[in-house]
Structure formats: C-alpha cells, structure tokens
Amino acid sequence: MSKLLVTLFLVSSLFSVSVFAQAKDYTNEVVSFLKNNISKNPNVISLDVKVIDKKDMEKPEGWQAYIVSFEGKAKVGKDEKKISQNSIYFVKDGIMATELIDMKTGMKLNDTISPKFKDEFYTKSNLIYGDESAAHKVAIFSDPLCPFCKAFVPGAIEYMKKYPKDFAVYYYHYPLEGLHPASPTICRAAIYLELQGKKDSLLKIYSLKIDPRETNEQKILDVINHTLGTTISVKDIHSIMVQSQFEEDRQIANVLLVNGTPTVYFDGAKDATKNKYKSVKVH
C-alpha cells in the first residue's frame, strides 16, 4: 500500500495532537490508542501495531519519540492492499503529536529520528563495492535524477570504492517518482545491470541526459542503451528478479522512514552530514 494511502488512513483517524491517560512508559498506550482509532476506518481489514523503538529526546525536554510499525490489509476500491509502514509519534505527559517543529530553525524534529539500520538490510545484492567484512558499512538511498544525489553520490562512491577494506558500500534505489517520473524506469534498468554483475554501470546512470518527466519506458531505455552501450528491453526491467529487488529496496526505505535523497547511513546510524566516511583513516 502506498505511503500516501496509509497516511490518509492515519490522518482520517487522528488529530495532529491527541490526549490519553498518563503512564510512565507509553508503549502500551501508544499501541492501543493507534490500533483502536485506525481500526475504526471501515476500509481497514486487519492491523498490527508495534512500537519498534523508543527514544528520549534531549530537546524539547521531556518528550519521547516512538517509532511505530503498521502491518495489515486494507480495501482500496475493489482491491485488497497490504499496509506496511513505519511512522513517528511524539509523546509527553499523555499528549501525542504526529509532528514537532523547531520554530527558530523551521526544522521538523521528525527528520532527526531514525530507526536503526538492521543487519539483515545489508544484502549481497545491495553491496556494490568493497568487502562484506570491511571496517565500515555505508548505505546510500538515492534517486539518480535527484540534483543533490548527482552532486554527492558519484563522488562519494568513487572515493570509497578505492578502499575495499575500509568501506563496504551498499546502494538502495529510491526513485522520487512524484518529482522524477522517469526515475523508476532508470532504477529498474540499473537493477537489471547489477543483477548481471555490471555494478560499475550504476555510476554511469547519473550522467544520463534525460527529461525527468519522461514516462515512456522505451524512450528512457533508448537513452540508457545509447549512453551505456547496452540492449535492455522493457521486458528485461519487468522481470520477476528486477521487480523483487526494486520492491525490496523500497520496503527497506519504508521501514527506515527514508523520505528524501540522498539518505546515508554510516555503520548503522543515519548520517545527517553524509560525510562521516571522509573522517575514516583509510589504508
């Protein structure tokens, strides 16, 4: 189920701030409150709610951030869709808020909270450079048409690939389809090449000269094939293996609450600076 649809479910059931009985640890209350309210939506068939992490915030003092997972099924028109999403809720003194904003900086404090990067997310299919046993693991979520990704990803990867004992670089495709409709096709093509063992082709897709708004898959593949010297077909990018990897990358991003690109994790923790790799004494 899309993040937008799940968000609509949540918004339909909650105000931005809610009140419930006070408790020392709000885990049980958060789960009960969310499950009871969201389940009232007639389109929700089943719902499992769990708190997967809880963090005490330094600022604002006294607030706790709860990372909550939602798994279940819901009706969307005549179809039955899967619900799978993580969300953040802030709690203090029996008050729940879906969002906290620093009025001085305009920063959403939601963006400072991130689940831990689980070991099982480091898969061989996502490892593009370096040794699995390297001293440091760097995970990158990127959209090849994102201007910020273009400015960061190729350079960062080119640097780290020179030191395979120091960096294991894991790459996750996260196309921002709403901004760049051409990205999903490009990502699928890149996955197809990666599955063929042509992982060096990943960096080449950042140099594609293509209209981000293009939606015709054949036209997009024509540009890719001309630039990379490949012969990828529409059928190739919709193979079961490609689709499986494409969805797996999106699911991992969903679990980690990735909402922008590039998003970088360094040794399992979200790296807001995106530059921690530069502080490593390489060998």
Protein backbone atom coordinates (compact mmCIF):
# COMPACT_ATOMS: atom_id res chain seq x y z
CA MET A 1 0.00 0.00 0.00
CA SER A 2 1.34 3.47 -0.83
CA LYS A 3 2.64 5.74 1.87
CA LEU A 4 0.08 8.33 0.82
CA LEU A 5 -2.84 5.96 1.32
CA VAL A 6 -1.59 4.82 4.71
CA THR A 7 -1.08 8.43 5.71
CA LEU A 8 -4.67 9.15 4.70
CA PHE A 9 -5.79 6.32 6.95
CA LEU A 10 -3.85 7.74 9.83
CA VAL A 11 -5.00 11.30 9.26
CA SER A 12 -8.61 10.18 8.99
CA SER A 13 -8.35 8.68 12.45
CA LEU A 14 -6.15 11.17 14.30
CA PHE A 15 -5.83 14.85 15.01
CA SER A 16 -2.27 16.25 14.99
CA VAL A 17 -2.35 16.24 18.80
CA SER A 18 -4.22 13.66 20.89
CA VAL A 19 -4.65 13.07 24.61
CA PHE A 20 -4.89 9.79 26.51
CA ALA A 21 -4.32 8.51 30.04
CA GLN A 22 -0.92 9.23 31.57
CA ALA A 23 1.62 6.44 32.16
CA LYS A 24 5.31 6.12 32.98
CA ASP A 25 6.08 4.23 29.79
CA TYR A 26 3.62 4.98 26.99
CA THR A 27 4.40 1.99 24.77
CA ASN A 28 1.20 0.11 25.54
CA GLU A 29 -0.91 3.26 25.44
CA VAL A 30 0.53 4.32 22.07
CA VAL A 31 -0.17 0.90 20.54
CA SER A 32 -3.68 0.70 21.99
CA PHE A 33 -4.61 4.25 21.00
CA LEU A 34 -3.39 3.94 17.41
CA LYS A 35 -4.85 0.49 16.80
CA ASN A 36 -8.26 1.39 18.25
CA ASN A 37 -8.58 4.62 16.30
CA ILE A 38 -7.23 3.47 12.94
CA SER A 39 -9.23 0.23 13.07
CA LYS A 40 -12.42 2.31 13.14
CA ASN A 41 -11.83 3.09 9.47
CA PRO A 42 -14.16 0.66 7.59
CA ASN A 43 -11.52 0.16 4.88
CA VAL A 44 -9.04 -1.36 7.32
CA ILE A 45 -9.35 -5.16 7.19
CA SER A 46 -6.60 -6.07 9.64
CA LEU A 47 -3.95 -4.13 11.52
CA ASP A 48 -0.97 -4.99 13.68
CA VAL A 49 0.66 -2.10 15.54
CA LYS A 50 4.02 -2.37 17.30
CA VAL A 51 6.47 0.08 18.88
CA ILE A 52 9.80 -0.93 17.37
CA ASP A 53 11.92 1.75 19.02
CA LYS A 54 11.61 4.48 21.63
CA LYS A 55 13.97 7.39 22.13
CA ASP A 56 14.17 10.06 24.82
CA MET A 57 14.67 13.44 23.22
CA GLU A 58 17.20 15.92 24.57
CA LYS A 59 15.23 18.80 23.08
CA PRO A 60 12.42 19.54 23.65
CA GLU A 61 12.94 18.22 27.16
CA GLY A 62 10.58 15.54 28.41
CA TRP A 63 9.36 14.38 25.00
CA GLN A 64 9.76 10.82 23.79
CA ALA A 65 9.78 9.67 20.18
CA TYR A 66 8.06 6.38 19.40
CA ILE A 67 8.77 4.65 16.11
CA VAL A 68 5.68 2.58 15.30
CA SER A 69 5.25 -0.11 12.67
CA PHE A 70 1.91 -0.79 10.97
CA GLU A 71 1.28 -4.08 9.18
CA GLY A 72 -2.05 -5.27 7.84
CA LYS A 73 -4.52 -5.13 4.98
CA ALA A 74 -6.97 -2.54 3.70
CA LYS A 75 -9.56 -2.13 0.97
CA VAL A 76 -8.65 0.26 -1.83
CA GLY A 77 -11.59 0.38 -4.20
CA LYS A 78 -12.30 -3.26 -5.10
CA ASP A 79 -8.78 -4.38 -4.27
CA GLU A 80 -7.20 -5.59 -1.06
CA LYS A 81 -3.83 -3.95 -0.42
CA LYS A 82 -1.07 -4.57 2.07
CA ILE A 83 -0.35 -1.98 4.77
CA SER A 84 3.34 -1.79 5.67
CA GLN A 85 4.67 1.44 7.10
CA ASN A 86 6.62 2.93 9.97
CA SER A 87 5.70 6.28 11.49
CA ILE A 88 6.95 8.52 14.28
CA TYR A 89 4.85 9.84 17.18
CA PHE A 90 5.95 12.19 19.93
CA VAL A 91 4.61 11.79 23.47
CA LYS A 92 4.81 13.83 26.66
CA ASP A 93 2.51 13.83 29.70
CA GLY A 94 -0.25 11.98 27.91
CA ILE A 95 -0.09 14.19 24.81
CA MET A 96 0.62 12.64 21.41
CA ALA A 97 1.83 14.69 18.44
CA THR A 98 2.47 13.49 14.91
CA GLU A 99 4.93 16.30 14.26
CA LEU A 100 7.19 18.66 16.22
CA ILE A 101 8.76 21.72 14.59
CA ASP A 102 11.56 23.93 15.91
CA MET A 103 10.13 27.44 15.45
CA LYS A 104 13.61 29.00 15.43
CA THR A 105 15.03 26.88 12.64
CA GLY A 106 11.90 25.54 10.97
CA MET A 107 13.35 22.04 11.26
CA LYS A 108 10.93 19.15 11.61
CA LEU A 109 12.15 17.08 14.53
CA ASN A 110 10.67 14.03 12.79
CA ASP A 111 13.65 14.27 10.42
CA THR A 112 16.08 13.81 13.32
CA ILE A 113 14.58 10.46 14.36
CA SER A 114 15.51 7.31 12.51
CA PRO A 115 15.20 3.57 13.19
CA LYS A 116 18.40 1.56 13.44
CA PHE A 117 19.73 0.05 10.25
CA LYS A 118 19.22 -3.69 10.74
CA ASP A 119 21.98 -6.15 9.85
CA GLU A 120 19.64 -8.05 7.54
CA PHE A 121 19.35 -4.97 5.32
CA TYR A 122 23.00 -5.40 4.29
CA THR A 123 22.40 -7.85 1.44
CA LYS A 124 24.79 -9.09 -1.23
CA SER A 125 22.50 -7.73 -3.92
CA ASN A 126 22.85 -4.23 -2.45
CA LEU A 127 26.63 -4.44 -1.98
CA ILE A 128 28.13 -2.59 -4.93
CA TYR A 129 31.71 -2.01 -3.76
CA GLY A 130 34.04 -3.18 -1.01
CA ASP A 131 34.30 -6.29 1.11
CA GLU A 132 31.47 -7.51 3.33
CA SER A 133 34.00 -7.61 6.18
CA ALA A 134 35.20 -4.02 5.62
CA ALA A 135 35.79 -1.88 8.69
CA HIS A 136 32.84 0.39 7.87
CA LYS A 137 29.47 -0.10 6.21
CA VAL A 138 27.93 2.78 4.25
CA ALA A 139 24.35 2.55 2.98
CA ILE A 140 23.10 5.03 0.38
CA PHE A 141 19.49 5.61 -0.70
CA SER A 142 19.41 7.56 -3.92
CA ASP A 143 17.44 8.72 -6.95
CA PRO A 144 19.75 9.13 -9.99
CA LEU A 145 17.76 12.14 -11.22
CA CYS A 146 17.90 13.97 -7.89
CA PRO A 147 20.21 17.02 -8.25
CA PHE A 148 21.53 16.55 -4.72
CA CYS A 149 22.30 12.90 -5.48
CA LYS A 150 24.09 13.86 -8.67
CA ALA A 151 26.28 16.23 -6.67
CA PHE A 152 27.06 13.73 -3.91
CA VAL A 153 26.69 10.07 -4.83
CA PRO A 154 29.15 9.57 -7.74
CA GLY A 155 31.98 11.36 -5.95
CA ALA A 156 31.39 9.64 -2.62
CA ILE A 157 31.22 6.18 -4.19
CA GLU A 158 34.24 6.77 -6.44
CA TYR A 159 36.23 7.67 -3.32
CA MET A 160 35.09 4.74 -1.18
CA LYS A 161 35.47 2.12 -3.93
CA LYS A 162 39.23 2.74 -3.83
CA TYR A 163 39.36 1.38 -0.27
CA PRO A 164 37.54 -2.00 -0.24
CA LYS A 165 38.96 -2.98 3.15
CA ASP A 166 37.73 0.23 4.73
CA PHE A 167 34.30 0.61 3.12
CA ALA A 168 31.52 -1.79 2.18
CA VAL A 169 29.20 0.37 0.09
CA TYR A 170 25.56 -0.69 -0.10
CA TYR A 171 23.22 1.03 -2.56
CA TYR A 172 19.40 1.18 -2.43
CA HIS A 173 17.26 2.51 -5.26
CA TYR A 174 14.76 5.09 -4.03
CA PRO A 175 13.18 6.86 -7.02
CA LEU A 176 11.24 10.01 -6.20
CA GLU A 177 8.56 9.23 -8.75
CA GLY A 178 6.42 12.25 -7.91
CA LEU A 179 9.30 14.60 -8.78
CA HIS A 180 11.02 12.49 -11.43
CA PRO A 181 8.58 10.16 -13.24
CA ALA A 182 11.48 8.77 -15.31
CA SER A 183 13.35 7.53 -12.24
CA PRO A 184 11.58 4.18 -11.65
CA THR A 185 12.44 3.01 -15.16
CA ILE A 186 16.06 4.12 -14.76
CA CYS A 187 16.30 2.37 -11.40
CA ARG A 188 14.85 -0.85 -12.80
CA ALA A 189 17.37 -0.72 -15.65
CA ALA A 190 20.20 -0.20 -13.17
CA ILE A 191 18.98 -3.14 -11.09
CA TYR A 192 18.86 -5.31 -14.21
CA LEU A 193 22.50 -4.48 -14.95
CA GLU A 194 23.53 -5.03 -11.34
CA LEU A 195 21.95 -8.48 -11.40
CA GLN A 196 24.07 -9.18 -14.50
CA GLY A 197 27.17 -8.34 -12.46
CA LYS A 198 27.64 -4.96 -14.15
CA LYS A 199 27.69 -2.89 -10.98
CA ASP A 200 30.01 -0.25 -12.46
CA SER A 201 27.07 0.81 -14.65
CA LEU A 202 25.40 2.29 -11.56
CA LEU A 203 27.56 5.41 -11.57
CA LYS A 204 27.04 5.91 -15.30
CA ILE A 205 23.29 6.39 -14.89
CA TYR A 206 23.96 9.63 -13.01
CA SER A 207 25.24 11.17 -16.25
CA LEU A 208 22.13 10.37 -18.32
CA LYS A 209 20.76 13.27 -20.34
CA ILE A 210 17.05 12.69 -19.99
CA ASP A 211 13.89 14.63 -19.21
CA PRO A 212 12.99 13.72 -15.59
CA ARG A 213 9.31 14.00 -16.58
CA GLU A 214 9.53 11.36 -19.32
CA THR A 215 7.22 8.41 -18.71
CA ASN A 216 7.66 6.37 -21.90
CA GLU A 217 9.76 3.40 -20.80
CA GLN A 218 11.05 2.63 -24.29
CA LYS A 219 12.25 6.21 -24.82
CA ILE A 220 14.02 6.13 -21.43
CA LEU A 221 15.65 2.80 -22.26
CA ASP A 222 16.75 4.14 -25.66
CA VAL A 223 18.73 6.85 -23.86
CA ILE A 224 20.16 4.36 -21.37
CA ASN A 225 21.17 1.88 -24.09
CA HIS A 226 22.74 4.62 -26.21
CA THR A 227 24.69 6.04 -23.23
CA LEU A 228 25.80 2.75 -21.68
CA GLY A 229 26.11 0.65 -24.83
CA THR A 230 23.51 -1.83 -23.54
CA THR A 231 20.47 -3.57 -25.05
CA ILE A 232 17.99 -3.52 -22.17
CA SER A 233 14.38 -4.14 -23.12
CA VAL A 234 11.11 -3.24 -21.41
CA LYS A 235 10.62 -6.94 -20.72
CA ASP A 236 14.02 -7.09 -19.01
CA ILE A 237 13.23 -4.37 -16.49
CA HIS A 238 9.95 -6.00 -15.53
CA SER A 239 11.37 -9.44 -14.84
CA ILE A 240 10.49 -11.08 -11.53
CA MET A 241 14.03 -10.67 -10.20
CA VAL A 242 14.22 -6.98 -11.07
CA GLN A 243 10.80 -6.27 -9.61
CA SER A 244 11.66 -8.17 -6.44
CA GLN A 245 14.82 -6.14 -5.86
CA PHE A 246 13.03 -2.90 -6.72
CA GLU A 247 10.33 -3.60 -4.14
CA GLU A 248 12.83 -4.83 -1.55
CA ASP A 249 14.78 -1.56 -1.76
CA ARG A 250 11.58 0.45 -1.37
CA GLN A 251 10.46 -1.68 1.57
CA ILE A 252 13.76 -1.16 3.40
CA ALA A 253 13.48 2.58 2.79
CA ASN A 254 9.93 2.49 4.10
CA VAL A 255 10.95 0.70 7.30
CA LEU A 256 13.75 3.22 7.86
CA LEU A 257 11.43 6.19 7.22
CA VAL A 258 13.55 7.41 4.33
CA ASN A 259 11.74 10.39 2.81
CA GLY A 260 14.38 12.14 0.75
CA THR A 261 17.56 11.62 -1.20
CA PRO A 262 20.37 11.14 -0.76
CA THR A 263 19.95 9.46 2.64
CA VAL A 264 23.10 7.96 4.10
CA TYR A 265 23.73 5.50 6.93
CA PHE A 266 27.23 5.10 8.36
CA ASP A 267 27.82 1.97 10.43
CA GLY A 268 24.11 1.54 11.06
CA ALA A 269 23.29 5.11 12.10
CA LYS A 270 21.78 7.81 9.92
CA ASP A 271 24.48 10.27 8.85
CA ALA A 272 22.86 13.68 8.54
CA THR A 273 26.19 15.17 7.40
CA LYS A 274 26.62 12.48 4.74
CA ASN A 275 30.37 12.97 5.18
CA LYS A 276 31.41 10.66 8.01
CA TYR A 277 33.17 8.46 5.51
CA LYS A 278 35.68 11.28 4.99
CA SER A 279 36.81 11.05 8.63
CA VAL A 280 37.95 7.43 8.22
CA LYS A 281 41.69 6.85 8.19
CA VAL A 282 41.96 4.79 5.03
CA HIS A 283 44.55 2.11 4.34
